[in-house]
C-alpha cells in the first residue's frame, strides 16, 4: 500500500515494489524477489571489488571515500571522531532525469 511521504508524495516499501516489479515482468512475486535480490547483490559485489557500475540510460554506482571527521553524540553531546569510510553513491543519467521533467 502506498503511504504518504514527508514531502507530500508517495513511496513504496520493498514488498510493494517487488509486487509491482512482478506484475511488470509477468512473473510470480517469488521470482521477482529473487531477480531483484540478484541485481542488488551483483551491484554490491562489483562495488566491493572496486568496480564502477554504469547502466547506460539509468545510473552509475560507485564508492566514495569519506574522510574522518568530528561529530557529536546526540544522546550526551560528547565529541567523537567519525572514522574514515567508503560510502556507495548513485548518480542518475541525464536522460533518466529528463523523463521526470517533461
Protein backbone atom coordinates (compact mmCIF):
# COMPACT_ATOMS: atom_id res chain seq x y z
CA UNK A 1 0.00 0.00 0.00
CA UNK A 2 1.31 3.43 -0.89
CA UNK A 3 1.60 5.79 2.05
CA UNK A 4 2.33 9.50 2.22
CA UNK A 5 5.96 10.55 2.09
CA UNK A 6 7.03 13.58 4.12
CA UNK A 7 7.31 15.83 1.04
CA UNK A 8 3.69 15.09 0.10
CA UNK A 9 4.49 12.40 -2.46
CA UNK A 10 4.10 8.66 -2.04
CA UNK A 11 6.58 5.85 -1.50
CA UNK A 12 6.69 2.09 -1.87
CA UNK A 13 8.32 -0.30 0.55
CA UNK A 14 10.34 -3.25 -0.76
CA UNK A 15 7.43 -5.73 -0.82
CA UNK A 16 5.19 -3.26 -2.67
CA UNK A 17 7.95 -2.56 -5.16
CA UNK A 18 8.56 -6.29 -5.64
CA UNK A 19 4.85 -6.85 -6.32
CA UNK A 20 4.81 -4.05 -8.93
CA UNK A 21 8.02 -5.45 -10.45
CA UNK A 22 6.48 -8.95 -10.64
CA UNK A 23 3.39 -7.54 -12.35
CA UNK A 24 5.55 -5.67 -14.87
CA UNK A 25 7.57 -8.82 -15.66
CA UNK A 26 4.53 -11.10 -15.62
CA UNK A 27 6.16 -13.44 -13.10
CA UNK A 28 5.44 -14.56 -9.54
CA UNK A 29 6.43 -12.40 -6.60
CA UNK A 30 8.93 -15.07 -5.56
CA UNK A 31 10.69 -14.89 -8.96
CA UNK A 32 10.68 -11.09 -8.85
CA UNK A 33 12.16 -11.11 -5.31
CA UNK A 34 14.95 -13.41 -6.46
CA UNK A 35 15.57 -11.30 -9.58
CA UNK A 36 15.74 -8.06 -7.55
CA UNK A 37 17.99 -9.70 -4.96
CA UNK A 38 20.40 -10.87 -7.70
CA UNK A 39 20.53 -7.34 -9.14
CA UNK A 40 21.31 -5.77 -5.76
CA UNK A 41 23.85 -8.50 -4.91
CA UNK A 42 25.63 -8.10 -8.26
CA UNK A 43 25.93 -4.32 -7.90
CA UNK A 44 27.13 -4.76 -4.29
CA UNK A 45 29.72 -7.37 -5.26
CA UNK A 46 31.04 -5.18 -8.07
CA UNK A 47 31.41 -2.19 -5.75
CA UNK A 48 33.11 -4.32 -3.08
CA UNK A 49 35.60 -5.45 -5.75
CA UNK A 50 36.41 -1.83 -6.59
CA UNK A 51 34.46 -1.78 -9.84
CA UNK A 52 32.45 1.16 -11.16
CA UNK A 53 29.00 0.11 -12.42
CA UNK A 54 27.46 2.03 -15.31
CA UNK A 55 23.98 1.12 -16.55
CA UNK A 56 23.56 3.23 -19.67
CA UNK A 57 20.46 5.43 -19.66
CA UNK A 58 19.84 4.80 -15.96
CA UNK A 59 22.61 5.34 -13.39
CA UNK A 60 26.18 4.85 -12.27
CA UNK A 61 27.15 3.23 -8.98
CA UNK A 62 30.48 3.92 -7.30
CA UNK A 63 32.19 4.17 -3.92
CA UNK A 64 33.20 7.48 -2.40
CA UNK A 65 35.99 7.80 0.16
CA UNK A 66 34.80 9.82 3.13
CA UNK A 67 37.42 11.37 5.40
CA UNK A 68 37.39 11.02 9.16
CA UNK A 69 35.57 13.90 10.81
CA UNK A 70 34.49 15.23 14.16
CA UNK A 71 30.93 14.67 15.29
CA UNK A 72 28.73 14.95 18.36
CA UNK A 73 26.87 12.14 20.11
CA UNK A 74 23.24 13.38 20.11
CA UNK A 75 22.45 11.47 23.31
CA UNK A 76 25.03 13.12 25.55
CA UNK A 77 26.59 15.94 23.50
CA UNK A 78 30.04 14.32 23.71
CA UNK A 79 32.53 14.96 20.89
CA UNK A 80 33.67 11.95 18.92
CA UNK A 81 35.64 11.11 15.80
CA UNK A 82 33.71 9.50 12.99
CA UNK A 83 36.21 7.22 11.21
CA UNK A 84 37.02 7.38 7.51
CA UNK A 85 34.92 5.02 5.39
CA UNK A 86 33.73 4.20 1.89
CA UNK A 87 30.15 5.07 1.02
CA UNK A 88 28.18 3.89 -2.03
CA UNK A 89 26.89 6.65 -4.30
CA UNK A 90 24.39 6.61 -7.16
CA UNK A 91 24.28 9.19 -9.94
CA UNK A 92 21.35 9.06 -12.32
CA UNK A 93 21.94 9.72 -16.01
CA UNK A 94 20.82 12.91 -17.68
CA UNK A 95 18.43 11.01 -19.96
CA UNK A 96 16.82 9.27 -16.97
CA UNK A 97 16.38 12.57 -15.10
CA UNK A 98 14.78 14.14 -18.19
CA UNK A 99 11.93 11.59 -18.01
CA UNK A 100 10.66 13.38 -14.88
CA UNK A 101 10.97 16.90 -16.21
CA UNK A 102 8.97 16.81 -19.45
